């Protein structure tokens, strides 16, 4: 599943990686049915189909029924995974994350571990728990077993490492992400992400951003206005959405936490400020 920042959103069924994963698991369950619990495994497989149709309540119930009835079954890992992503679909992040961790602990399958860690990384990233997110995303990469890394995962690892002040370490991930996003085989989503990756790659610290303008003269006027308030700032030029923008920023902080701490002291008089790399 691909989550946006701050708010989890479900993508279209035909395009969602988590949906494709759910359908594959459902097919695997049906293929491995045994006479002793044929109907229950089919019900669990159907739960993945319900999840794919965004019927999160029924899919959670199907997983919960299986977990209750077969706590030692070889497919318990898939049941925990289904219940976890179903709970996340309903907005229950805490219990959903617990189930994903149970799936990781119960499984011998690296692909299921990779998917679970990937989703845990998204949850930690959304909660601004950057060290935890970097660890989970790294585990997802390690368990991918030679599969081509996702550009977005590499980008997010780099962003997380920057957030905790590991700028040099972040560069290797961001460079890989930029190279992949710029390749001929990159998806449209990855190509659209590339400029953000490059901007991150070129950054060396966090700053407090006061405003953004299309005209450089307006940015210069903002710098002068801030100077009258005793705030020393400068103009930075970057490409965003294929056009030049002029940003007014101040300060240089090695970690996001330090930048946010400094920004809080200015929020009362400058409510529109944000922290950026």
Protein backbone atom coordinates (compact mmCIF):
# COMPACT_ATOMS: atom_id res chain seq x y z
CA UNK A 1 0.00 0.00 0.00
CA UNK A 2 1.23 3.44 -0.82
CA UNK A 3 0.44 6.07 1.76
CA UNK A 4 0.55 9.77 1.45
CA UNK A 5 2.25 11.91 3.99
CA UNK A 6 0.25 12.59 7.15
CA UNK A 7 -2.96 10.95 5.87
CA UNK A 8 -3.31 7.38 4.64
CA UNK A 9 -5.22 7.10 1.39
CA UNK A 10 -6.14 4.03 -0.66
CA UNK A 11 -5.24 4.11 -4.33
CA UNK A 12 -7.39 2.59 -7.06
CA UNK A 13 -7.71 -1.18 -6.81
CA UNK A 14 -6.14 -1.72 -10.20
CA UNK A 15 -3.00 0.21 -9.26
CA UNK A 16 -2.46 -0.50 -5.54
CA UNK A 17 0.62 -2.68 -4.82
CA UNK A 18 -1.01 -3.82 -1.59
CA UNK A 19 -4.12 -4.84 -3.53
CA UNK A 20 -2.05 -6.88 -5.98
CA UNK A 21 -0.31 -8.49 -2.99
CA UNK A 22 -3.67 -9.33 -1.42
CA UNK A 23 -4.87 -11.02 -4.59
CA UNK A 24 -1.67 -13.07 -4.86
CA UNK A 25 -2.02 -14.24 -1.27
CA UNK A 26 -5.64 -15.17 -1.90
CA UNK A 27 -4.59 -17.28 -4.89
CA UNK A 28 -1.85 -18.96 -2.85
CA UNK A 29 -4.29 -19.82 -0.09
CA UNK A 30 -6.74 -21.38 -2.50
CA UNK A 31 -3.99 -23.36 -4.20
CA UNK A 32 -2.79 -24.75 -0.88
CA UNK A 33 -6.18 -25.75 0.54
CA UNK A 34 -6.38 -29.00 2.46
CA UNK A 35 -9.50 -31.12 3.02
CA UNK A 36 -9.43 -30.64 6.79
CA UNK A 37 -10.07 -26.88 6.62
CA UNK A 38 -10.89 -26.28 2.97
CA UNK A 39 -13.80 -24.00 3.69
CA UNK A 40 -11.96 -21.87 6.26
CA UNK A 41 -8.95 -21.30 4.01
CA UNK A 42 -11.31 -20.37 1.19
CA UNK A 43 -12.99 -17.92 3.58
CA UNK A 44 -9.60 -16.37 4.39
CA UNK A 45 -8.78 -16.11 0.69
CA UNK A 46 -12.16 -14.43 0.16
CA UNK A 47 -11.19 -12.00 2.91
CA UNK A 48 -8.35 -10.78 0.72
CA UNK A 49 -10.84 -10.24 -2.10
CA UNK A 50 -13.04 -8.23 0.26
CA UNK A 51 -10.02 -6.17 1.28
CA UNK A 52 -9.24 -5.49 -2.39
CA UNK A 53 -12.81 -4.18 -2.76
CA UNK A 54 -12.22 -1.89 0.26
CA UNK A 55 -14.62 -3.94 2.39
CA UNK A 56 -12.37 -3.63 5.42
CA UNK A 57 -14.85 -4.75 8.06
CA UNK A 58 -15.63 -8.12 6.40
CA UNK A 59 -11.97 -8.71 5.51
CA UNK A 60 -10.93 -8.06 9.11
CA UNK A 61 -13.62 -10.43 10.34
CA UNK A 62 -12.47 -13.18 7.95
CA UNK A 63 -8.91 -12.85 9.25
CA UNK A 64 -10.04 -12.70 12.88
CA UNK A 65 -12.15 -15.84 12.48
CA UNK A 66 -9.18 -17.72 11.04
CA UNK A 67 -6.82 -16.53 13.79
CA UNK A 68 -9.29 -17.56 16.49
CA UNK A 69 -9.92 -21.00 15.01
CA UNK A 70 -6.38 -21.86 13.82
CA UNK A 71 -3.84 -20.03 16.04
CA UNK A 72 -1.07 -22.52 15.13
CA UNK A 73 -1.88 -22.92 11.44
CA UNK A 74 0.94 -22.45 8.88
CA UNK A 75 -1.12 -19.69 7.25
CA UNK A 76 -1.53 -17.71 10.46
CA UNK A 77 1.02 -15.20 9.14
CA UNK A 78 -1.24 -14.37 6.18
CA UNK A 79 -4.23 -14.05 8.50
CA UNK A 80 -2.35 -11.60 10.73
CA UNK A 81 -1.25 -9.63 7.67
CA UNK A 82 -4.81 -9.44 6.34
CA UNK A 83 -6.19 -8.36 9.71
CA UNK A 84 -3.43 -5.78 10.01
CA UNK A 85 -4.01 -4.10 6.65
CA UNK A 86 -7.78 -4.32 7.14
CA UNK A 87 -7.49 -2.49 10.44
CA UNK A 88 -5.29 0.12 8.80
CA UNK A 89 -7.93 0.52 6.10
CA UNK A 90 -10.43 1.34 8.85
CA UNK A 91 -8.01 3.83 10.41
CA UNK A 92 -7.00 1.64 13.38
CA UNK A 93 -3.28 2.21 13.16
CA UNK A 94 -2.19 0.91 16.56
CA UNK A 95 -3.85 -2.51 16.29
CA UNK A 96 -3.04 -2.74 12.59
CA UNK A 97 0.66 -2.20 13.31
CA UNK A 98 0.55 -4.83 16.07
CA UNK A 99 -0.87 -7.37 13.62
CA UNK A 100 1.81 -6.61 11.05
CA UNK A 101 4.45 -7.26 13.70
CA UNK A 102 2.72 -10.55 14.56
CA UNK A 103 2.80 -11.47 10.86
CA UNK A 104 6.54 -10.76 10.76
CA UNK A 105 7.12 -12.90 13.86
CA UNK A 106 5.05 -15.80 12.55
CA UNK A 107 6.26 -16.00 8.96
CA UNK A 108 9.16 -17.68 7.23
CA UNK A 109 8.41 -15.81 4.00
CA UNK A 110 10.68 -12.93 3.12
CA UNK A 111 8.12 -11.41 0.74
CA UNK A 112 5.52 -11.13 3.50
CA UNK A 113 8.12 -9.67 5.87
CA UNK A 114 9.07 -7.11 3.22
CA UNK A 115 5.46 -6.00 2.72
CA UNK A 116 4.83 -5.81 6.45
CA UNK A 117 7.98 -3.78 7.15
CA UNK A 118 7.16 -1.50 4.21
CA UNK A 119 3.77 -0.68 5.69
CA UNK A 120 5.21 -0.23 9.18
CA UNK A 121 7.69 2.21 7.67
CA UNK A 122 4.84 4.22 6.17
CA UNK A 123 3.09 4.37 9.53
CA UNK A 124 6.23 5.53 11.34
CA UNK A 125 6.96 8.09 8.62
CA UNK A 126 3.45 9.53 8.85
CA UNK A 127 3.90 9.81 12.62
CA UNK A 128 7.26 11.60 12.11
CA UNK A 129 9.10 8.77 13.88
CA UNK A 130 11.94 9.03 11.42
CA UNK A 131 14.49 6.71 13.03
CA UNK A 132 11.89 3.94 13.34
CA UNK A 133 10.71 4.54 9.78
CA UNK A 134 14.25 4.31 8.40
CA UNK A 135 14.75 1.02 10.24
CA UNK A 136 11.48 -0.47 8.97
CA UNK A 137 12.10 0.63 5.38
CA UNK A 138 15.62 -0.80 5.53
CA UNK A 139 14.21 -4.11 6.74
CA UNK A 140 11.78 -4.06 3.83
CA UNK A 141 14.68 -3.66 1.41
CA UNK A 142 16.69 -6.44 3.05
CA UNK A 143 13.77 -8.86 2.83
CA UNK A 144 13.02 -8.03 -0.80
CA UNK A 145 15.64 -10.67 -1.78
CA UNK A 146 17.11 -9.12 -4.88
CA UNK A 147 13.95 -7.41 -6.13
CA UNK A 148 14.41 -3.95 -7.63
CA UNK A 149 14.05 -1.41 -4.79
CA UNK A 150 11.11 0.95 -4.90
CA UNK A 151 12.14 4.53 -5.67
CA UNK A 152 9.76 5.84 -3.04
CA UNK A 153 11.21 3.60 -0.33
CA UNK A 154 14.77 4.70 -1.15
CA UNK A 155 13.64 8.33 -1.12
CA UNK A 156 11.94 7.95 2.23
CA UNK A 157 14.94 6.26 3.82
CA UNK A 158 17.05 9.19 2.66
CA UNK A 159 14.53 11.69 4.01
CA UNK A 160 14.39 9.89 7.36
CA UNK A 161 18.17 9.79 7.68
CA UNK A 162 18.32 13.51 6.94
CA UNK A 163 15.69 14.15 9.58
CA UNK A 164 17.91 12.60 12.26
CA UNK A 165 21.05 14.36 11.00
CA UNK A 166 22.69 11.54 9.00
CA UNK A 167 23.16 13.61 5.85
CA UNK A 168 26.10 11.70 4.39
CA UNK A 169 24.40 8.35 4.93
CA UNK A 170 21.23 9.68 3.30
CA UNK A 171 23.02 10.61 0.08
CA UNK A 172 23.57 7.03 -1.09
CA UNK A 173 19.85 6.24 -0.86
CA UNK A 174 18.80 9.50 -2.48
CA UNK A 175 21.33 9.08 -5.30
CA UNK A 176 20.01 5.59 -6.06
CA UNK A 177 16.46 6.91 -6.00
CA UNK A 178 17.34 9.81 -8.32
CA UNK A 179 19.13 7.51 -10.78
CA UNK A 180 16.22 5.07 -10.87
CA UNK A 181 13.61 7.83 -11.19
CA UNK A 182 15.54 9.27 -14.13
CA UNK A 183 15.87 6.00 -16.02
CA UNK A 184 13.95 5.12 -19.17
CA UNK A 185 12.09 2.38 -17.34
CA UNK A 186 10.89 4.61 -14.49
CA UNK A 187 7.16 4.86 -13.90
CA UNK A 188 5.32 8.15 -14.28
CA UNK A 189 5.00 8.42 -10.49
CA UNK A 190 8.74 7.91 -10.04
CA UNK A 191 9.57 10.48 -12.72
CA UNK A 192 7.28 12.99 -11.01
CA UNK A 193 9.08 12.34 -7.73
CA UNK A 194 12.56 12.83 -9.17
CA UNK A 195 12.79 16.62 -8.71
CA UNK A 196 11.90 16.30 -5.04
CA UNK A 197 14.59 13.64 -4.71
CA UNK A 198 17.18 15.87 -6.40
CA UNK A 199 16.25 18.81 -4.16
CA UNK A 200 16.78 16.57 -1.14
CA UNK A 201 20.03 15.26 -2.55
CA UNK A 202 21.40 18.78 -2.87
CA UNK A 203 20.34 19.82 0.65
CA UNK A 204 22.78 19.89 3.55
CA UNK A 205 20.60 21.07 6.45
CA UNK A 206 17.09 22.06 7.47
CA UNK A 207 15.84 25.61 7.28
CA UNK A 208 12.75 27.58 8.25
CA UNK A 209 10.82 28.59 5.15
CA UNK A 210 8.76 31.79 5.36
CA UNK A 211 7.34 32.11 1.86
CA UNK A 212 7.57 31.04 -1.78
CA UNK A 213 7.20 33.27 -4.85
CA UNK A 214 7.24 32.99 -8.61
CA UNK A 215 8.80 36.48 -8.92
CA UNK A 216 12.28 37.03 -7.45
CA UNK A 217 11.51 40.67 -6.64
CA UNK A 218 8.75 39.62 -4.26
CA UNK A 219 11.12 37.22 -2.56
CA UNK A 220 13.64 40.06 -2.13
CA UNK A 221 10.92 42.23 -0.59
CA UNK A 222 10.10 39.46 1.90
CA UNK A 223 13.75 39.23 2.93
CA UNK A 224 13.78 42.98 3.62
CA UNK A 225 10.55 42.78 5.61
CA UNK A 226 11.94 39.96 7.76
CA UNK A 227 15.15 41.91 8.32
CA UNK A 228 13.09 44.75 9.80
CA UNK A 229 11.79 42.17 12.31
CA UNK A 230 15.31 41.10 13.15
CA UNK A 231 15.18 37.84 11.15
CA UNK A 232 18.07 37.24 8.78
CA UNK A 233 16.94 35.25 5.74
CA UNK A 234 17.95 34.59 2.14
CA UNK A 235 16.40 33.63 -1.21
CA UNK A 236 16.82 30.11 -2.60
CA UNK A 237 15.87 29.19 -6.16
CA UNK A 238 14.56 25.70 -6.96
CA UNK A 239 12.61 23.96 -9.70
CA UNK A 240 9.18 22.70 -8.64
CA UNK A 241 6.64 21.26 -11.09
CA UNK A 242 8.85 22.35 -14.00
CA UNK A 243 8.99 26.01 -12.97
CA UNK A 244 11.39 28.12 -10.96
CA UNK A 245 10.25 29.18 -7.50
CA UNK A 246 11.98 31.56 -5.12
CA UNK A 247 11.94 30.55 -1.46
CA UNK A 248 12.68 32.76 1.52
CA UNK A 249 14.41 30.74 4.23
CA UNK A 250 16.39 31.26 7.41
CA UNK A 251 18.64 29.17 9.60
CA UNK A 252 20.65 25.98 9.15
CA UNK A 253 19.90 23.04 11.43
CA UNK A 254 21.39 19.53 11.27
CA UNK A 255 18.21 17.74 12.39
CA UNK A 256 14.53 18.29 11.75
CA UNK A 257 13.83 18.34 15.49
CA UNK A 258 16.18 21.29 16.00
CA UNK A 259 14.62 23.19 13.11
CA UNK A 260 11.10 22.56 14.39
CA UNK A 261 12.10 23.71 17.86
CA UNK A 262 13.40 26.99 16.40
CA UNK A 263 10.29 27.37 14.24
CA UNK A 264 7.95 27.08 17.23
CA UNK A 265 9.36 30.29 18.68
CA UNK A 266 8.37 32.14 15.50
CA UNK A 267 4.92 30.66 14.90
CA UNK A 268 3.03 33.32 16.83
CA UNK A 269 4.24 36.09 14.51
CA UNK A 270 4.84 33.99 11.38
CA UNK A 271 2.05 31.37 11.28
CA UNK A 272 2.78 30.26 7.72
CA UNK A 273 6.33 29.02 8.29
CA UNK A 274 7.38 25.44 7.57
CA UNK A 275 10.54 23.38 8.06
CA UNK A 276 12.25 22.21 4.87
CA UNK A 277 15.54 20.47 3.95
